Amino acid sequence: MRGSFGDHRTVALADVVAREDFRRVWRARNDEIQGCRDCPYRYACTGCRALLADPEAEDSKPLKCGYDPYTDSWTDWRERPGAAATMARYQARLHLPIVRS
């Protein structure tokens, strides 16, 4: 995801939940997301908001969604124009700290 709400070892969950930026993400509904708002499956879909088709737009559809509600068709999301480049951007930003005990 674009932002971080803190390290679970040092930040209390109650403090995270109290933050407005966290609440904005928590309250996001498929009715507010590009493409999803027109999808007949939007109320059954659990969609992943961590990877967005357009990382710069908060209301972008999930990158890995292969359904097009305008043509009523399913395709492999990796075949969508720009999907490979977007995934490469995410992978380049990926940073997972190694925790040693």
PDB file of N, CA and C in Angstrom:
ATOM      1  N   MET A   1       0.837  -1.168   0.000  1.00  0.00           N
ATOM      2  CA  MET A   1       0.000   0.000   0.000  1.00  0.00           C
ATOM      3  C   MET A   1       0.890   1.241   0.000  1.00  0.00           C
ATOM      4  N   ARG A   2       0.323   2.357  -0.380  1.00  0.00           N
ATOM      5  CA  ARG A   2       1.112   3.574  -0.511  1.00  0.00           C
ATOM      6  C   ARG A   2       1.691   4.068   0.804  1.00  0.00           C
ATOM      7  N   GLY A   3       0.949   3.959   1.853  1.00  0.00           N
ATOM      8  CA  GLY A   3       1.402   4.513   3.118  1.00  0.00           C
ATOM      9  C   GLY A   3       1.562   3.449   4.174  1.00  0.00           C
ATOM     10  N   SER A   4       2.064   3.902   5.306  1.00  0.00           N
ATOM     11  CA  SER A   4       2.228   3.014   6.446  1.00  0.00           C
ATOM     12  C   SER A   4       1.534   3.664   7.630  1.00  0.00           C
ATOM     13  N   PHE A   5       0.963   2.846   8.466  1.00  0.00           N
ATOM     14  CA  PHE A   5       0.293   3.354   9.652  1.00  0.00           C
ATOM     15  C   PHE A   5       1.115   3.075  10.902  1.00  0.00           C
ATOM     16  N   GLY A   6       2.345   2.622  10.704  1.00  0.00           N
ATOM     17  CA  GLY A   6       3.237   2.384  11.821  1.00  0.00           C
ATOM     18  C   GLY A   6       3.593   0.923  11.978  1.00  0.00           C
ATOM     19  N   ASP A   7       4.570   0.685  12.783  1.00  0.00           N
ATOM     20  CA  ASP A   7       5.057  -0.661  13.076  1.00  0.00           C
ATOM     21  C   ASP A   7       4.229  -1.230  14.223  1.00  0.00           C
ATOM     22  N   HIS A   8       3.693  -2.396  14.032  1.00  0.00           N
ATOM     23  CA  HIS A   8       2.818  -3.020  15.032  1.00  0.00           C
ATOM     24  C   HIS A   8       3.513  -3.233  16.373  1.00  0.00           C
ATOM     25  N   ARG A   9       4.841  -3.226  16.360  1.00  0.00           N
ATOM     26  CA  ARG A   9       5.578  -3.422  17.612  1.00  0.00           C
ATOM     27  C   ARG A   9       5.686  -2.138  18.433  1.00  0.00           C
ATOM     28  N   THR A  10       5.446  -0.996  17.798  1.00  0.00           N
ATOM     29  CA  THR A  10       5.629   0.272  18.505  1.00  0.00           C
ATOM     30  C   THR A  10       4.397   1.173  18.499  1.00  0.00           C
ATOM     31  N   VAL A  11       3.394   0.839  17.685  1.00  0.00           N
ATOM     32  CA  VAL A  11       2.204   1.678  17.584  1.00  0.00           C
ATOM     33  C   VAL A  11       0.984   0.875  18.025  1.00  0.00           C
ATOM     34  N   ALA A  12       0.203   1.439  18.909  1.00  0.00           N
ATOM     35  CA  ALA A  12      -1.004   0.756  19.394  1.00  0.00           C
ATOM     36  C   ALA A  12      -2.076   0.752  18.306  1.00  0.00           C
ATOM     37  N   LEU A  13      -2.783  -0.347  18.188  1.00  0.00           N
ATOM     38  CA  LEU A  13      -3.850  -0.469  17.204  1.00  0.00           C
ATOM     39  C   LEU A  13      -4.899   0.628  17.390  1.00  0.00           C
ATOM     40  N   ALA A  14      -5.208   0.960  18.611  1.00  0.00           N
ATOM     41  CA  ALA A  14      -6.185   2.027  18.887  1.00  0.00           C
ATOM     42  C   ALA A  14      -5.721   3.359  18.301  1.00  0.00           C
ATOM     43  N   ASP A  15      -4.426   3.621  18.327  1.00  0.00           N
ATOM     44  CA  ASP A  15      -3.894   4.858  17.753  1.00  0.00           C
ATOM     45  C   ASP A  15      -4.007   4.858  16.229  1.00  0.00           C
ATOM     46  N   VAL A  16      -3.784   3.706  15.622  1.00  0.00           N
ATOM     47  CA  VAL A  16      -3.919   3.599  14.169  1.00  0.00           C
ATOM     48  C   VAL A  16      -5.369   3.832  13.762  1.00  0.00           C
ATOM     49  N   VAL A  17      -6.296   3.173  14.422  1.00  0.00           N
ATOM     50  CA  VAL A  17      -7.709   3.282  14.085  1.00  0.00           C
ATOM     51  C   VAL A  17      -8.224   4.711  14.275  1.00  0.00           C
ATOM     52  N   ALA A  18      -7.620   5.459  15.155  1.00  0.00           N
ATOM     53  CA  ALA A  18      -8.049   6.841  15.409  1.00  0.00           C
ATOM     54  C   ALA A  18      -7.586   7.804  14.320  1.00  0.00           C
ATOM     55  N   ARG A  19      -6.636   7.402  13.484  1.00  0.00           N
ATOM     56  CA  ARG A  19      -6.102   8.293  12.442  1.00  0.00           C
ATOM     57  C   ARG A  19      -7.086   8.437  11.287  1.00  0.00           C
ATOM     58  N   GLU A  20      -7.252   9.675  10.818  1.00  0.00           N
ATOM     59  CA  GLU A  20      -8.183   9.938   9.714  1.00  0.00           C
ATOM     60  C   GLU A  20      -7.709   9.288   8.421  1.00  0.00           C
ATOM     61  N   ASP A  21      -6.408   9.269   8.142  1.00  0.00           N
ATOM     62  CA  ASP A  21      -5.934   8.646   6.908  1.00  0.00           C
ATOM     63  C   ASP A  21      -6.207   7.139   6.909  1.00  0.00           C
ATOM     64  N   PHE A  22      -6.154   6.506   8.074  1.00  0.00           N
ATOM     65  CA  PHE A  22      -6.517   5.091   8.163  1.00  0.00           C
ATOM     66  C   PHE A  22      -8.016   4.917   7.929  1.00  0.00           C
ATOM     67  N   ARG A  23      -8.807   5.768   8.532  1.00  0.00           N
ATOM     68  CA  ARG A  23     -10.264   5.660   8.394  1.00  0.00           C
ATOM     69  C   ARG A  23     -10.717   5.863   6.952  1.00  0.00           C
ATOM     70  N   ARG A  24     -10.030   6.731   6.224  1.00  0.00           N
ATOM     71  CA  ARG A  24     -10.377   6.961   4.818  1.00  0.00           C
ATOM     72  C   ARG A  24     -10.189   5.662   4.014  1.00  0.00           C
ATOM     73  N   VAL A  25      -9.093   4.957   4.264  1.00  0.00           N
ATOM     74  CA  VAL A  25      -8.841   3.684   3.572  1.00  0.00           C
ATOM     75  C   VAL A  25      -9.866   2.642   4.035  1.00  0.00           C
ATOM     76  N   TRP A  26     -10.131   2.598   5.321  1.00  0.00           N
ATOM     77  CA  TRP A  26     -11.055   1.619   5.893  1.00  0.00           C
ATOM     78  C   TRP A  26     -12.468   1.787   5.326  1.00  0.00           C
ATOM     79  N   ARG A  27     -12.880   3.040   5.124  1.00  0.00           N
ATOM     80  CA  ARG A  27     -14.245   3.320   4.660  1.00  0.00           C
ATOM     81  C   ARG A  27     -14.418   3.184   3.154  1.00  0.00           C
ATOM     82  N   ALA A  28     -13.366   2.976   2.405  1.00  0.00           N
ATOM     83  CA  ALA A  28     -13.468   2.877   0.946  1.00  0.00           C
ATOM     84  C   ALA A  28     -14.443   1.772   0.561  1.00  0.00           C
ATOM     85  N   ARG A  29     -15.325   2.091  -0.342  1.00  0.00           N
ATOM     86  CA  ARG A  29     -16.341   1.140  -0.813  1.00  0.00           C
ATOM     87  C   ARG A  29     -16.230   0.965  -2.326  1.00  0.00           C
ATOM     88  N   ASN A  30     -16.609  -0.177  -2.811  1.00  0.00           N
ATOM     89  CA  ASN A  30     -16.543  -0.446  -4.245  1.00  0.00           C
ATOM     90  C   ASN A  30     -17.402   0.522  -5.059  1.00  0.00           C
ATOM     91  N   ASP A  31     -18.415   1.115  -4.458  1.00  0.00           N
ATOM     92  CA  ASP A  31     -19.242   2.105  -5.159  1.00  0.00           C
ATOM     93  C   ASP A  31     -18.458   3.380  -5.478  1.00  0.00           C
ATOM     94  N   GLU A  32     -17.294   3.560  -4.886  1.00  0.00           N
ATOM     95  CA  GLU A  32     -16.488   4.763  -5.063  1.00  0.00           C
ATOM     96  C   GLU A  32     -15.264   4.536  -5.945  1.00  0.00           C
ATOM     97  N   ILE A  33     -15.067   3.320  -6.419  1.00  0.00           N
ATOM     98  CA  ILE A  33     -13.850   2.949  -7.136  1.00  0.00           C
ATOM     99  C   ILE A  33     -14.117   2.879  -8.637  1.00  0.00           C
ATOM    100  N   GLN A  34     -13.193   3.467  -9.413  1.00  0.00           N
ATOM    101  CA  GLN A  34     -13.315   3.455 -10.870  1.00  0.00           C
ATOM    102  C   GLN A  34     -13.478   2.020 -11.367  1.00  0.00           C
ATOM    103  N   GLY A  35     -14.416   1.811 -12.240  1.00  0.00           N
ATOM    104  CA  GLY A  35     -14.662   0.477 -12.777  1.00  0.00           C
ATOM    105  C   GLY A  35     -15.509  -0.365 -11.848  1.00  0.00           C
ATOM    106  N   CYS A  36     -15.145  -0.417 -10.595  1.00  0.00           N
ATOM    107  CA  CYS A  36     -15.892  -1.216  -9.617  1.00  0.00           C
ATOM    108  C   CYS A  36     -17.312  -0.672  -9.428  1.00  0.00           C
ATOM    109  N   ARG A  37     -17.447   0.652  -9.485  1.00  0.00           N
ATOM    110  CA  ARG A  37     -18.767   1.252  -9.254  1.00  0.00           C
ATOM    111  C   ARG A  37     -19.782   0.808 -10.294  1.00  0.00           C
ATOM    112  N   ASP A  38     -19.310   0.336 -11.445  1.00  0.00           N
ATOM    113  CA  ASP A  38     -20.196  -0.120 -12.513  1.00  0.00           C
ATOM    114  C   ASP A  38     -20.257  -1.638 -12.621  1.00  0.00           C
ATOM    115  N   CYS A  39     -19.565  -2.322 -11.730  1.00  0.00           N
ATOM    116  CA  CYS A  39     -19.470  -3.783 -11.786  1.00  0.00           C
ATOM    117  C   CYS A  39     -20.655  -4.441 -11.083  1.00  0.00           C
ATOM    118  N   PRO A  40     -21.293  -5.424 -11.739  1.00  0.00           N
ATOM    119  CA  PRO A  40     -22.413  -6.109 -11.105  1.00  0.00           C
ATOM    120  C   PRO A  40     -21.985  -6.987  -9.921  1.00  0.00           C
ATOM    121  N   TYR A  41     -20.695  -7.256  -9.778  1.00  0.00           N
ATOM    122  CA  TYR A  41     -20.187  -8.098  -8.697  1.00  0.00           C
ATOM    123  C   TYR A  41     -19.641  -7.275  -7.524  1.00  0.00           C
ATOM    124  N   ARG A  42     -19.790  -5.950  -7.554  1.00  0.00           N
ATOM    125  CA  ARG A  42     -19.130  -5.081  -6.571  1.00  0.00           C
ATOM    126  C   ARG A  42     -19.511  -5.359  -5.129  1.00  0.00           C
ATOM    127  N   TYR A  43     -20.721  -5.870  -4.875  1.00  0.00           N
ATOM    128  CA  TYR A  43     -21.116  -6.119  -3.487  1.00  0.00           C
ATOM    129  C   TYR A  43     -20.650  -7.487  -2.990  1.00  0.00           C
ATOM    130  N   ALA A  44     -20.234  -8.348  -3.897  1.00  0.00           N
ATOM    131  CA  ALA A  44     -19.720  -9.666  -3.513  1.00  0.00           C
ATOM    132  C   ALA A  44     -18.188  -9.702  -3.555  1.00  0.00           C
ATOM    133  N   CYS A  45     -17.602  -8.723  -4.206  1.00  0.00           N
ATOM    134  CA  CYS A  45     -16.151  -8.695  -4.407  1.00  0.00           C
ATOM    135  C   CYS A  45     -15.437  -8.201  -3.158  1.00  0.00           C
ATOM    136  N   THR A  46     -14.319  -8.846  -2.844  1.00  0.00           N
ATOM    137  CA  THR A  46     -13.506  -8.403  -1.723  1.00  0.00           C
ATOM    138  C   THR A  46     -12.306  -7.596  -2.197  1.00  0.00           C
ATOM    139  N   GLY A  47     -12.103  -7.484  -3.497  1.00  0.00           N
ATOM    140  CA  GLY A  47     -11.045  -6.707  -4.131  1.00  0.00           C
ATOM    141  C   GLY A  47      -9.871  -6.324  -3.258  1.00  0.00           C
ATOM    142  N   CYS A  48      -8.689  -6.399  -3.790  1.00  0.00           N
ATOM    143  CA  CYS A  48      -7.481  -6.050  -3.061  1.00  0.00           C
ATOM    144  C   CYS A  48      -7.125  -4.596  -3.335  1.00  0.00           C
ATOM    145  N   ARG A  49      -7.074  -3.777  -2.322  1.00  0.00           N
ATOM    146  CA  ARG A  49      -6.765  -2.352  -2.477  1.00  0.00           C
ATOM    147  C   ARG A  49      -5.278  -2.072  -2.302  1.00  0.00           C
ATOM    148  N   ALA A  50      -4.471  -3.100  -2.078  1.00  0.00           N
ATOM    149  CA  ALA A  50      -3.044  -2.880  -1.884  1.00  0.00           C
ATOM    150  C   ALA A  50      -2.334  -2.584  -3.202  1.00  0.00           C
ATOM    151  N   LEU A  51      -2.749  -3.221  -4.277  1.00  0.00           N
ATOM    152  CA  LEU A  51      -2.160  -3.003  -5.598  1.00  0.00           C
ATOM    153  C   LEU A  51      -3.225  -2.384  -6.496  1.00  0.00           C
ATOM    154  N   LEU A  52      -2.988  -1.163  -6.963  1.00  0.00           N
ATOM    155  CA  LEU A  52      -3.963  -0.455  -7.776  1.00  0.00           C
ATOM    156  C   LEU A  52      -3.504  -0.385  -9.227  1.00  0.00           C
ATOM    157  N   ALA A  53      -4.453  -0.432 -10.163  1.00  0.00           N
ATOM    158  CA  ALA A  53      -4.120  -0.320 -11.579  1.00  0.00           C
ATOM    159  C   ALA A  53      -3.417   1.004 -11.863  1.00  0.00           C
ATOM    160  N   ASP A  54      -3.843   2.067 -11.165  1.00  0.00           N
ATOM    161  CA  ASP A  54      -3.184   3.365 -11.246  1.00  0.00           C
ATOM    162  C   ASP A  54      -2.763   3.757  -9.832  1.00  0.00           C
ATOM    163  N   PRO A  55      -1.517   3.514  -9.467  1.00  0.00           N
ATOM    164  CA  PRO A  55      -1.069   3.763  -8.098  1.00  0.00           C
ATOM    165  C   PRO A  55      -1.208   5.218  -7.639  1.00  0.00           C
ATOM    166  N   GLU A  56      -1.359   6.138  -8.573  1.00  0.00           N
ATOM    167  CA  GLU A  56      -1.473   7.551  -8.217  1.00  0.00           C
ATOM    168  C   GLU A  56      -2.911   7.964  -7.909  1.00  0.00           C
ATOM    169  N   ALA A  57      -3.881   7.107  -8.201  1.00  0.00           N
ATOM    170  CA  ALA A  57      -5.292   7.440  -7.993  1.00  0.00           C
ATOM    171  C   ALA A  57      -5.869   6.582  -6.874  1.00  0.00           C
ATOM    172  N   GLU A  58      -6.314   7.204  -5.796  1.00  0.00           N
ATOM    173  CA  GLU A  58      -6.859   6.456  -4.658  1.00  0.00           C
ATOM    174  C   GLU A  58      -8.108   5.661  -5.033  1.00  0.00           C
ATOM    175  N   ASP A  59      -8.836   6.115  -6.071  1.00  0.00           N
ATOM    176  CA  ASP A  59     -10.068   5.425  -6.452  1.00  0.00           C
ATOM    177  C   ASP A  59      -9.870   4.496  -7.650  1.00  0.00           C
ATOM    178  N   SER A  60      -8.633   4.090  -7.897  1.00  0.00           N
ATOM    179  CA  SER A  60      -8.329   3.181  -9.003  1.00  0.00           C
ATOM    180  C   SER A  60      -8.809   1.767  -8.695  1.00  0.00           C
ATOM    181  N   LYS A  61      -9.159   1.041  -9.738  1.00  0.00           N
ATOM    182  CA  LYS A  61      -9.565  -0.354  -9.542  1.00  0.00           C
ATOM    183  C   LYS A  61      -8.348  -1.193  -9.151  1.00  0.00           C
ATOM    184  N   PRO A  62      -8.552  -2.342  -8.542  1.00  0.00           N
ATOM    185  CA  PRO A  62      -7.431  -3.212  -8.179  1.00  0.00           C
ATOM    186  C   PRO A  62      -6.650  -3.665  -9.416  1.00  0.00           C
ATOM    187  N   LEU A  63      -5.352  -3.667  -9.316  1.00  0.00           N
ATOM    188  CA  LEU A  63      -4.496  -4.061 -10.432  1.00  0.00           C
ATOM    189  C   LEU A  63      -4.835  -5.458 -10.934  1.00  0.00           C
ATOM    190  N   LYS A  64      -5.064  -6.387 -10.027  1.00  0.00           N
ATOM    191  CA  LYS A  64      -5.235  -7.782 -10.412  1.00  0.00           C
ATOM    192  C   LYS A  64      -6.673  -8.174 -10.758  1.00  0.00           C
ATOM    193  N   CYS A  65      -7.543  -7.198 -10.940  1.00  0.00           N
ATOM    194  CA  CYS A  65      -8.908  -7.503 -11.375  1.00  0.00           C
ATOM    195  C   CYS A  65      -8.930  -7.626 -12.889  1.00  0.00           C
ATOM    196  N   GLY A  66      -9.401  -8.754 -13.386  1.00  0.00           N
ATOM    197  CA  GLY A  66      -9.445  -8.986 -14.825  1.00  0.00           C
ATOM    198  C   GLY A  66     -10.826  -8.823 -15.430  1.00  0.00           C
ATOM    199  N   TYR A  67     -11.777  -8.322 -14.637  1.00  0.00           N
ATOM    200  CA  TYR A  67     -13.142  -8.177 -15.143  1.00  0.00           C
ATOM    201  C   TYR A  67     -13.357  -6.773 -15.693  1.00  0.00           C
ATOM    202  N   ASP A  68     -14.007  -6.696 -16.854  1.00  0.00           N
ATOM    203  CA  ASP A  68     -14.366  -5.409 -17.457  1.00  0.00           C
ATOM    204  C   ASP A  68     -15.882  -5.307 -17.451  1.00  0.00           C
ATOM    205  N   PRO A  69     -16.452  -4.471 -16.571  1.00  0.00           N
ATOM    206  CA  PRO A  69     -17.908  -4.385 -16.482  1.00  0.00           C
ATOM    207  C   PRO A  69     -18.551  -3.755 -17.719  1.00  0.00           C
ATOM    208  N   TYR A  70     -17.772  -3.084 -18.545  1.00  0.00           N
ATOM    209  CA  TYR A  70     -18.317  -2.408 -19.717  1.00  0.00           C
ATOM    210  C   TYR A  70     -18.472  -3.350 -20.907  1.00  0.00           C
ATOM    211  N   THR A  71     -17.680  -4.431 -20.916  1.00  0.00           N
ATOM    212  CA  THR A  71     -17.807  -5.430 -21.983  1.00  0.00           C
ATOM    213  C   THR A  71     -18.313  -6.763 -21.444  1.00  0.00           C
ATOM    214  N   ASP A  72     -18.504  -6.839 -20.115  1.00  0.00           N
ATOM    215  CA  ASP A  72     -18.931  -8.067 -19.440  1.00  0.00           C
ATOM    216  C   ASP A  72     -18.022  -9.237 -19.810  1.00  0.00           C
ATOM    217  N   SER A  73     -16.713  -8.992 -19.669  1.00  0.00           N
ATOM    218  CA  SER A  73     -15.761 -10.036 -20.048  1.00  0.00           C
ATOM    219  C   SER A  73     -14.625 -10.111 -19.020  1.00  0.00           C
ATOM    220  N   TRP A  74     -14.065 -11.324 -18.924  1.00  0.00           N
ATOM    221  CA  TRP A  74     -12.943 -11.595 -18.032  1.00  0.00           C
ATOM    222  C   TRP A  74     -11.707 -11.834 -18.881  1.00  0.00           C
ATOM    223  N   THR A  75     -10.587 -11.262 -18.469  1.00  0.00           N
ATOM    224  CA  THR A  75      -9.303 -11.521 -19.118  1.00  0.00           C
ATOM    225  C   THR A  75      -8.249 -11.632 -18.023  1.00  0.00           C
ATOM    226  N   ASP A  76      -7.098 -12.127 -18.410  1.00  0.00           N
ATOM    227  CA  ASP A  76      -5.985 -12.172 -17.477  1.00  0.00           C
ATOM    228  C   ASP A  76      -5.545 -10.732 -17.239  1.00  0.00           C
ATOM    229  N   TRP A  77      -5.517 -10.286 -16.002  1.00  0.00           N
ATOM    230  CA  TRP A  77      -5.174  -8.898 -15.687  1.00  0.00           C
ATOM    231  C   TRP A  77      -3.805  -8.514 -16.225  1.00  0.00           C
ATOM    232  N   ARG A  78      -2.898  -9.488 -16.364  1.00  0.00           N
ATOM    233  CA  ARG A  78      -1.546  -9.204 -16.853  1.00  0.00           C
ATOM    234  C   ARG A  78      -1.525  -8.800 -18.314  1.00  0.00           C
ATOM    235  N   GLU A  79      -2.613  -9.084 -19.032  1.00  0.00           N
ATOM    236  CA  GLU A  79      -2.699  -8.713 -20.446  1.00  0.00           C
ATOM    237  C   GLU A  79      -3.211  -7.289 -20.641  1.00  0.00           C
ATOM    238  N   ARG A  80      -3.669  -6.643 -19.580  1.00  0.00           N
ATOM    239  CA  ARG A  80      -4.174  -5.278 -19.685  1.00  0.00           C
ATOM    240  C   ARG A  80      -3.001  -4.348 -19.981  1.00  0.00           C
ATOM    241  N   PRO A  81      -3.164  -3.410 -20.911  1.00  0.00           N
ATOM    242  CA  PRO A  81      -2.080  -2.475 -21.222  1.00  0.00           C
ATOM    243  C   PRO A  81      -1.593  -1.749 -19.969  1.00  0.00           C
ATOM    244  N   GLY A  82      -0.304  -1.752 -19.781  1.00  0.00           N
ATOM    245  CA  GLY A  82       0.293  -1.059 -18.648  1.00  0.00           C
ATOM    246  C   GLY A  82       0.393  -1.880 -17.371  1.00  0.00           C
ATOM    247  N   ALA A  83      -0.245  -3.033 -17.310  1.00  0.00           N
ATOM    248  CA  ALA A  83      -0.247  -3.838 -16.075  1.00  0.00           C
ATOM    249  C   ALA A  83       1.161  -4.298 -15.710  1.00  0.00           C
ATOM    250  N   ALA A  84       1.935  -4.727 -16.679  1.00  0.00           N
ATOM    251  CA  ALA A  84       3.295  -5.210 -16.388  1.00  0.00           C
ATOM    252  C   ALA A  84       4.163  -4.076 -15.850  1.00  0.00           C
ATOM    253  N   ALA A  85       4.038  -2.898 -16.435  1.00  0.00           N
ATOM    254  CA  ALA A  85       4.823  -1.751 -15.972  1.00  0.00           C
ATOM    255  C   ALA A  85       4.409  -1.343 -14.561  1.00  0.00           C
ATOM    256  N   THR A  86       3.107  -1.379 -14.291  1.00  0.00           N
ATOM    257  CA  THR A  86       2.624  -1.022 -12.957  1.00  0.00           C
ATOM    258  C   THR A  86       3.130  -2.018 -11.924  1.00  0.00           C
ATOM    259  N   MET A  87       3.075  -3.307 -12.236  1.00  0.00           N
ATOM    260  CA  MET A  87       3.574  -4.327 -11.311  1.00  0.00           C
ATOM    261  C   MET A  87       5.074  -4.143 -11.087  1.00  0.00           C
ATOM    262  N   ALA A  88       5.805  -3.806 -12.128  1.00  0.00           N
ATOM    263  CA  ALA A  88       7.247  -3.572 -11.986  1.00  0.00           C
ATOM    264  C   ALA A  88       7.513  -2.391 -11.051  1.00  0.00           C
ATOM    265  N   ARG A  89       6.674  -1.353 -11.130  1.00  0.00           N
ATOM    266  CA  ARG A  89       6.814  -0.208 -10.213  1.00  0.00           C
ATOM    267  C   ARG A  89       6.602  -0.647  -8.775  1.00  0.00           C
ATOM    268  N   TYR A  90       5.570  -1.477  -8.550  1.00  0.00           N
ATOM    269  CA  TYR A  90       5.325  -1.978  -7.193  1.00  0.00           C
ATOM    270  C   TYR A  90       6.501  -2.820  -6.708  1.00  0.00           C
ATOM    271  N   GLN A  91       7.009  -3.695  -7.550  1.00  0.00           N
ATOM    272  CA  GLN A  91       8.097  -4.568  -7.145  1.00  0.00           C
ATOM    273  C   GLN A  91       9.371  -3.782  -6.854  1.00  0.00           C
ATOM    274  N   ALA A  92       9.584  -2.696  -7.572  1.00  0.00           N
ATOM    275  CA  ALA A  92      10.766  -1.867  -7.337  1.00  0.00           C
ATOM    276  C   ALA A  92      10.677  -1.149  -5.988  1.00  0.00           C
ATOM    277  N   ARG A  93       9.456  -0.838  -5.546  1.00  0.00           N
ATOM    278  CA  ARG A  93       9.261  -0.147  -4.264  1.00  0.00           C
ATOM    279  C   ARG A  93       9.199  -1.100  -3.096  1.00  0.00           C
ATOM    280  N   LEU A  94       9.081  -2.389  -3.358  1.00  0.00           N
ATOM    281  CA  LEU A  94       8.907  -3.379  -2.302  1.00  0.00           C
ATOM    282  C   LEU A  94      10.109  -3.386  -1.373  1.00  0.00           C
ATOM    283  N   HIS A  95       9.837  -3.239  -0.113  1.00  0.00           N
ATOM    284  CA  HIS A  95      10.902  -3.289   0.883  1.00  0.00           C
ATOM    285  C   HIS A  95      10.340  -4.034   2.096  1.00  0.00           C
ATOM    286  N   LEU A  96      10.850  -5.182   2.329  1.00  0.00           N
ATOM    287  CA  LEU A  96      10.429  -5.965   3.479  1.00  0.00           C
ATOM    288  C   LEU A  96      11.607  -6.075   4.432  1.00  0.00           C
ATOM    289  N   PRO A  97      11.503  -5.465   5.585  1.00  0.00           N
ATOM    290  CA  PRO A  97      12.631  -5.538   6.533  1.00  0.00           C
ATOM    291  C   PRO A  97      12.831  -6.952   7.039  1.00  0.00           C
ATOM    292  N   ILE A  98      14.066  -7.315   7.208  1.00  0.00           N
ATOM    293  CA  ILE A  98      14.400  -8.620   7.764  1.00  0.00           C
ATOM    294  C   ILE A  98      14.511  -8.465   9.275  1.00  0.00           C
ATOM    295  N   VAL A  99      13.713  -9.211   9.981  1.00  0.00           N
ATOM    296  CA  VAL A  99      13.710  -9.129  11.443  1.00  0.00           C
ATOM    297  C   VAL A  99      14.424 -10.364  11.983  1.00  0.00           C
ATOM    298  N   ARG A 100      15.462 -10.112  12.728  1.00  0.00           N
ATOM    299  CA  ARG A 100      16.210 -11.223  13.332  1.00  0.00           C
ATOM    300  C   ARG A 100      16.008 -11.171  14.827  1.00  0.00           C
ATOM    301  N   SER A 101      15.872 -12.321  15.431  1.00  0.00           N
ATOM    302  CA  SER A 101      15.680 -12.340  16.882  1.00  0.00           C
ATOM    303  C   SER A 101      16.972 -12.596  17.607  1.00  0.00           C
TER     304      SER A 101
END
